[in-house]
Amino acid sequence: MRYRTAAISCFAVIGGMFGYPALMWAIFLPSLKHGLPNPLPAYEKTLLDIAVLCIEWRFILALPITGIGLLFTMAELTASRGNRVKPAPASDSRRS
């Protein structure tokens, strides 16, 4: 995996951990205010459990994942700076 891809993946995970619970509450909260259906469908329970997991762990995991993402970003920037191709010296055809 390239450094840039790894850095983008880290920041996508952070965005997902903060965005997913908000999306789930926007979708399910109006129906939950009317009361829980009995029984709660399995897919809704799974989606809500994942949202709760993200809410509980997002601040704990945000710092290390952001640090890893920044390290991958710096690695990509320094690797691309070192891989620049130097132009070949121009040959003078008049002297030959």
N, C-alpha and C. Protein backbone atom coordinates (compact mmCIF):
# COMPACT_ATOMS: atom_id res chain seq x y z
N MET A 1 0.85 -1.17 0.00
CA MET A 1 0.00 0.00 0.00
C MET A 1 0.90 1.23 0.00
N ARG A 2 0.56 2.17 -0.83
CA ARG A 2 1.35 3.39 -0.89
C ARG A 2 1.06 4.27 0.31
N TYR A 3 1.99 5.15 0.59
CA TYR A 3 1.84 6.04 1.75
C TYR A 3 0.61 6.93 1.62
N ARG A 4 0.37 7.44 0.43
CA ARG A 4 -0.77 8.34 0.24
C ARG A 4 -2.08 7.60 0.50
N THR A 5 -2.18 6.38 0.00
CA THR A 5 -3.38 5.58 0.21
C THR A 5 -3.59 5.29 1.70
N ALA A 6 -2.50 4.99 2.40
CA ALA A 6 -2.60 4.72 3.84
C ALA A 6 -3.04 5.97 4.60
N ALA A 7 -2.50 7.12 4.23
CA ALA A 7 -2.88 8.37 4.90
C ALA A 7 -4.34 8.70 4.65
N ILE A 8 -4.80 8.54 3.42
CA ILE A 8 -6.21 8.80 3.11
C ILE A 8 -7.10 7.84 3.86
N SER A 9 -6.68 6.58 3.97
CA SER A 9 -7.47 5.59 4.71
C SER A 9 -7.59 5.96 6.18
N CYS A 10 -6.50 6.44 6.78
CA CYS A 10 -6.55 6.84 8.19
C CYS A 10 -7.54 7.98 8.40
N PHE A 11 -7.49 8.99 7.54
CA PHE A 11 -8.39 10.11 7.71
C PHE A 11 -9.83 9.74 7.36
N ALA A 12 -10.03 8.77 6.46
CA ALA A 12 -11.38 8.29 6.16
C ALA A 12 -11.97 7.54 7.36
N VAL A 13 -11.14 6.78 8.06
CA VAL A 13 -11.61 6.08 9.27
C VAL A 13 -12.04 7.08 10.33
N ILE A 14 -11.25 8.13 10.51
CA ILE A 14 -11.62 9.17 11.49
C ILE A 14 -12.94 9.82 11.09
N GLY A 15 -13.06 10.20 9.82
CA GLY A 15 -14.31 10.81 9.35
C GLY A 15 -15.49 9.89 9.51
N GLY A 16 -15.27 8.61 9.24
CA GLY A 16 -16.34 7.63 9.39
C GLY A 16 -16.76 7.46 10.83
N MET A 17 -15.79 7.47 11.74
CA MET A 17 -16.13 7.28 13.16
C MET A 17 -16.91 8.47 13.71
N PHE A 18 -16.71 9.66 13.15
CA PHE A 18 -17.47 10.81 13.62
C PHE A 18 -18.76 10.99 12.82
N GLY A 19 -18.76 10.59 11.56
CA GLY A 19 -19.93 10.81 10.72
C GLY A 19 -20.99 9.73 10.80
N TYR A 20 -20.57 8.49 11.00
CA TYR A 20 -21.51 7.37 11.01
C TYR A 20 -22.55 7.48 12.14
N PRO A 21 -22.14 7.77 13.38
CA PRO A 21 -23.17 7.91 14.42
C PRO A 21 -24.16 9.03 14.14
N ALA A 22 -23.68 10.14 13.60
CA ALA A 22 -24.58 11.24 13.28
C ALA A 22 -25.58 10.83 12.20
N LEU A 23 -25.10 10.08 11.23
CA LEU A 23 -25.98 9.59 10.17
C LEU A 23 -27.03 8.61 10.73
N MET A 24 -26.60 7.72 11.60
CA MET A 24 -27.54 6.75 12.18
C MET A 24 -28.58 7.44 13.05
N TRP A 25 -28.14 8.43 13.83
CA TRP A 25 -29.13 9.12 14.68
C TRP A 25 -30.10 9.91 13.81
N ALA A 26 -29.63 10.47 12.71
CA ALA A 26 -30.54 11.21 11.83
C ALA A 26 -31.57 10.28 11.18
N ILE A 27 -31.16 9.06 10.89
CA ILE A 27 -32.08 8.12 10.24
C ILE A 27 -33.01 7.47 11.25
N PHE A 28 -32.47 6.97 12.37
CA PHE A 28 -33.27 6.16 13.30
C PHE A 28 -33.89 6.94 14.45
N LEU A 29 -33.38 8.13 14.78
CA LEU A 29 -33.89 8.83 15.95
C LEU A 29 -35.37 9.20 15.84
N PRO A 30 -35.85 9.68 14.70
CA PRO A 30 -37.30 9.98 14.65
C PRO A 30 -38.17 8.76 14.94
N SER A 31 -37.77 7.59 14.41
CA SER A 31 -38.59 6.41 14.68
C SER A 31 -38.40 5.90 16.10
N LEU A 32 -37.23 6.11 16.69
CA LEU A 32 -36.99 5.67 18.06
C LEU A 32 -37.74 6.54 19.07
N LYS A 33 -38.05 7.79 18.72
CA LYS A 33 -38.80 8.65 19.63
C LYS A 33 -40.25 8.17 19.78
N HIS A 34 -40.73 7.44 18.79
CA HIS A 34 -42.09 6.91 18.87
C HIS A 34 -42.14 5.62 19.66
N GLY A 35 -40.99 5.11 20.04
CA GLY A 35 -40.93 3.87 20.80
C GLY A 35 -40.23 2.79 19.98
N LEU A 36 -39.64 1.87 20.70
CA LEU A 36 -38.94 0.78 20.03
C LEU A 36 -39.92 -0.27 19.57
N PRO A 37 -39.78 -0.70 18.31
CA PRO A 37 -40.63 -1.82 17.88
C PRO A 37 -40.21 -3.08 18.61
N ASN A 38 -41.14 -3.96 18.81
CA ASN A 38 -40.84 -5.18 19.55
C ASN A 38 -41.06 -6.37 18.63
N PRO A 39 -40.13 -7.13 18.26
CA PRO A 39 -38.69 -7.01 18.53
C PRO A 39 -38.03 -6.05 17.53
N LEU A 40 -36.90 -5.52 17.92
CA LEU A 40 -36.11 -4.64 17.07
C LEU A 40 -35.48 -5.49 15.97
N PRO A 41 -35.63 -5.11 14.69
CA PRO A 41 -35.02 -5.91 13.62
C PRO A 41 -33.50 -6.04 13.81
N ALA A 42 -32.97 -7.17 13.41
CA ALA A 42 -31.55 -7.47 13.64
C ALA A 42 -30.64 -6.47 12.94
N TYR A 43 -30.99 -6.05 11.72
CA TYR A 43 -30.12 -5.12 11.01
C TYR A 43 -30.11 -3.75 11.69
N GLU A 44 -31.26 -3.32 12.24
CA GLU A 44 -31.28 -2.04 12.96
C GLU A 44 -30.47 -2.12 14.24
N LYS A 45 -30.59 -3.23 14.95
CA LYS A 45 -29.81 -3.40 16.17
C LYS A 45 -28.32 -3.39 15.87
N THR A 46 -27.91 -4.04 14.80
CA THR A 46 -26.50 -4.08 14.42
C THR A 46 -26.01 -2.68 14.05
N LEU A 47 -26.79 -1.96 13.25
CA LEU A 47 -26.38 -0.60 12.86
C LEU A 47 -26.29 0.33 14.07
N LEU A 48 -27.23 0.22 14.98
CA LEU A 48 -27.19 1.07 16.17
C LEU A 48 -26.06 0.67 17.11
N ASP A 49 -25.76 -0.61 17.21
CA ASP A 49 -24.63 -1.06 18.04
C ASP A 49 -23.30 -0.54 17.49
N ILE A 50 -23.15 -0.54 16.18
CA ILE A 50 -21.93 -0.01 15.56
C ILE A 50 -21.83 1.49 15.83
N ALA A 51 -22.95 2.20 15.76
CA ALA A 51 -22.94 3.64 16.05
C ALA A 51 -22.53 3.89 17.50
N VAL A 52 -23.03 3.10 18.43
CA VAL A 52 -22.65 3.26 19.84
C VAL A 52 -21.17 2.96 20.03
N LEU A 53 -20.66 1.93 19.36
CA LEU A 53 -19.23 1.61 19.44
C LEU A 53 -18.38 2.77 18.93
N CYS A 54 -18.79 3.36 17.81
CA CYS A 54 -18.04 4.51 17.28
C CYS A 54 -18.08 5.69 18.24
N ILE A 55 -19.22 5.93 18.87
CA ILE A 55 -19.33 7.04 19.81
C ILE A 55 -18.41 6.81 21.01
N GLU A 56 -18.36 5.57 21.50
CA GLU A 56 -17.54 5.29 22.68
C GLU A 56 -16.04 5.35 22.38
N TRP A 57 -15.62 4.93 21.21
CA TRP A 57 -14.20 4.78 20.92
C TRP A 57 -13.61 5.88 20.04
N ARG A 58 -14.42 6.78 19.49
CA ARG A 58 -13.87 7.72 18.51
C ARG A 58 -12.84 8.66 19.10
N PHE A 59 -13.02 9.14 20.31
CA PHE A 59 -12.04 10.07 20.88
C PHE A 59 -10.78 9.34 21.34
N ILE A 60 -10.93 8.09 21.73
CA ILE A 60 -9.76 7.32 22.15
C ILE A 60 -8.90 6.97 20.94
N LEU A 61 -9.55 6.63 19.83
CA LEU A 61 -8.81 6.22 18.63
C LEU A 61 -8.45 7.37 17.70
N ALA A 62 -9.05 8.54 17.89
CA ALA A 62 -8.81 9.65 16.97
C ALA A 62 -7.35 10.11 17.00
N LEU A 63 -6.77 10.22 18.15
CA LEU A 63 -5.40 10.72 18.26
C LEU A 63 -4.37 9.78 17.62
N PRO A 64 -4.38 8.48 17.93
CA PRO A 64 -3.38 7.61 17.29
C PRO A 64 -3.58 7.48 15.78
N ILE A 65 -4.83 7.42 15.33
CA ILE A 65 -5.06 7.28 13.89
C ILE A 65 -4.67 8.55 13.17
N THR A 66 -4.94 9.71 13.77
CA THR A 66 -4.51 10.97 13.16
C THR A 66 -2.99 11.04 13.10
N GLY A 67 -2.32 10.61 14.17
CA GLY A 67 -0.86 10.60 14.16
C GLY A 67 -0.29 9.69 13.08
N ILE A 68 -0.89 8.52 12.92
CA ILE A 68 -0.44 7.60 11.88
C ILE A 68 -0.69 8.21 10.50
N GLY A 69 -1.84 8.83 10.33
CA GLY A 69 -2.15 9.48 9.05
C GLY A 69 -1.17 10.59 8.73
N LEU A 70 -0.80 11.38 9.73
CA LEU A 70 0.18 12.44 9.50
C LEU A 70 1.56 11.88 9.18
N LEU A 71 1.92 10.78 9.84
CA LEU A 71 3.21 10.15 9.52
C LEU A 71 3.24 9.63 8.09
N PHE A 72 2.15 9.01 7.65
CA PHE A 72 2.08 8.54 6.27
C PHE A 72 2.10 9.70 5.29
N THR A 73 1.46 10.82 5.65
CA THR A 73 1.47 11.99 4.78
C THR A 73 2.88 12.55 4.65
N MET A 74 3.60 12.65 5.78
CA MET A 74 4.98 13.14 5.72
C MET A 74 5.86 12.18 4.94
N ALA A 75 5.65 10.88 5.09
CA ALA A 75 6.43 9.89 4.35
C ALA A 75 6.19 10.03 2.85
N GLU A 76 4.95 10.27 2.45
CA GLU A 76 4.64 10.44 1.03
C GLU A 76 5.29 11.71 0.49
N LEU A 77 5.23 12.78 1.27
CA LEU A 77 5.83 14.03 0.80
C LEU A 77 7.34 13.92 0.68
N THR A 78 7.98 13.29 1.64
CA THR A 78 9.44 13.16 1.55
C THR A 78 9.85 12.15 0.50
N ALA A 79 9.07 11.11 0.29
CA ALA A 79 9.41 10.13 -0.74
C ALA A 79 9.24 10.72 -2.13
N SER A 80 8.20 11.51 -2.34
CA SER A 80 8.00 12.10 -3.66
C SER A 80 9.03 13.19 -3.93
N ARG A 81 9.53 13.84 -2.89
CA ARG A 81 10.55 14.86 -3.07
C ARG A 81 11.89 14.22 -3.46
N GLY A 82 12.19 13.06 -2.91
CA GLY A 82 13.45 12.39 -3.20
C GLY A 82 13.44 11.65 -4.52
N ASN A 83 12.29 11.38 -5.11
CA ASN A 83 12.21 10.63 -6.35
C ASN A 83 12.12 11.50 -7.59
N ARG A 84 12.39 12.76 -7.46
CA ARG A 84 12.33 13.63 -8.63
C ARG A 84 13.41 13.23 -9.63
N VAL A 85 13.04 13.23 -10.88
CA VAL A 85 13.97 12.84 -11.93
C VAL A 85 14.74 14.08 -12.36
N LYS A 86 16.06 13.95 -12.35
CA LYS A 86 16.90 15.06 -12.78
C LYS A 86 16.97 15.06 -14.30
N PRO A 87 16.91 16.23 -14.92
CA PRO A 87 16.97 16.25 -16.38
C PRO A 87 18.35 15.80 -16.87
N ALA A 88 18.33 15.09 -17.98
CA ALA A 88 19.59 14.60 -18.54
C ALA A 88 20.35 15.79 -19.14
N PRO A 89 21.68 15.74 -19.07
CA PRO A 89 22.45 16.85 -19.63
C PRO A 89 22.26 16.90 -21.14
N ALA A 90 22.11 18.10 -21.62
CA ALA A 90 21.89 18.28 -23.07
C ALA A 90 23.20 18.07 -23.79
N SER A 91 23.17 17.26 -24.84
CA SER A 91 24.38 17.03 -25.62
C SER A 91 24.47 18.07 -26.72
N ASP A 92 25.64 18.55 -26.92
CA ASP A 92 25.86 19.58 -27.94
C ASP A 92 26.27 18.89 -29.22
N SER A 93 25.39 18.86 -30.20
CA SER A 93 25.66 18.15 -31.46
C SER A 93 26.58 18.92 -32.36
N ARG A 94 26.84 20.21 -32.15
CA ARG A 94 27.71 21.00 -33.02
C ARG A 94 29.17 20.65 -32.80
N ARG A 95 29.53 20.19 -31.61
CA ARG A 95 30.93 19.89 -31.31
C ARG A 95 31.37 18.53 -31.86
N SER A 96 30.49 17.65 -32.19
CA SER A 96 30.86 16.31 -32.62
C SER A 96 31.28 16.27 -34.05
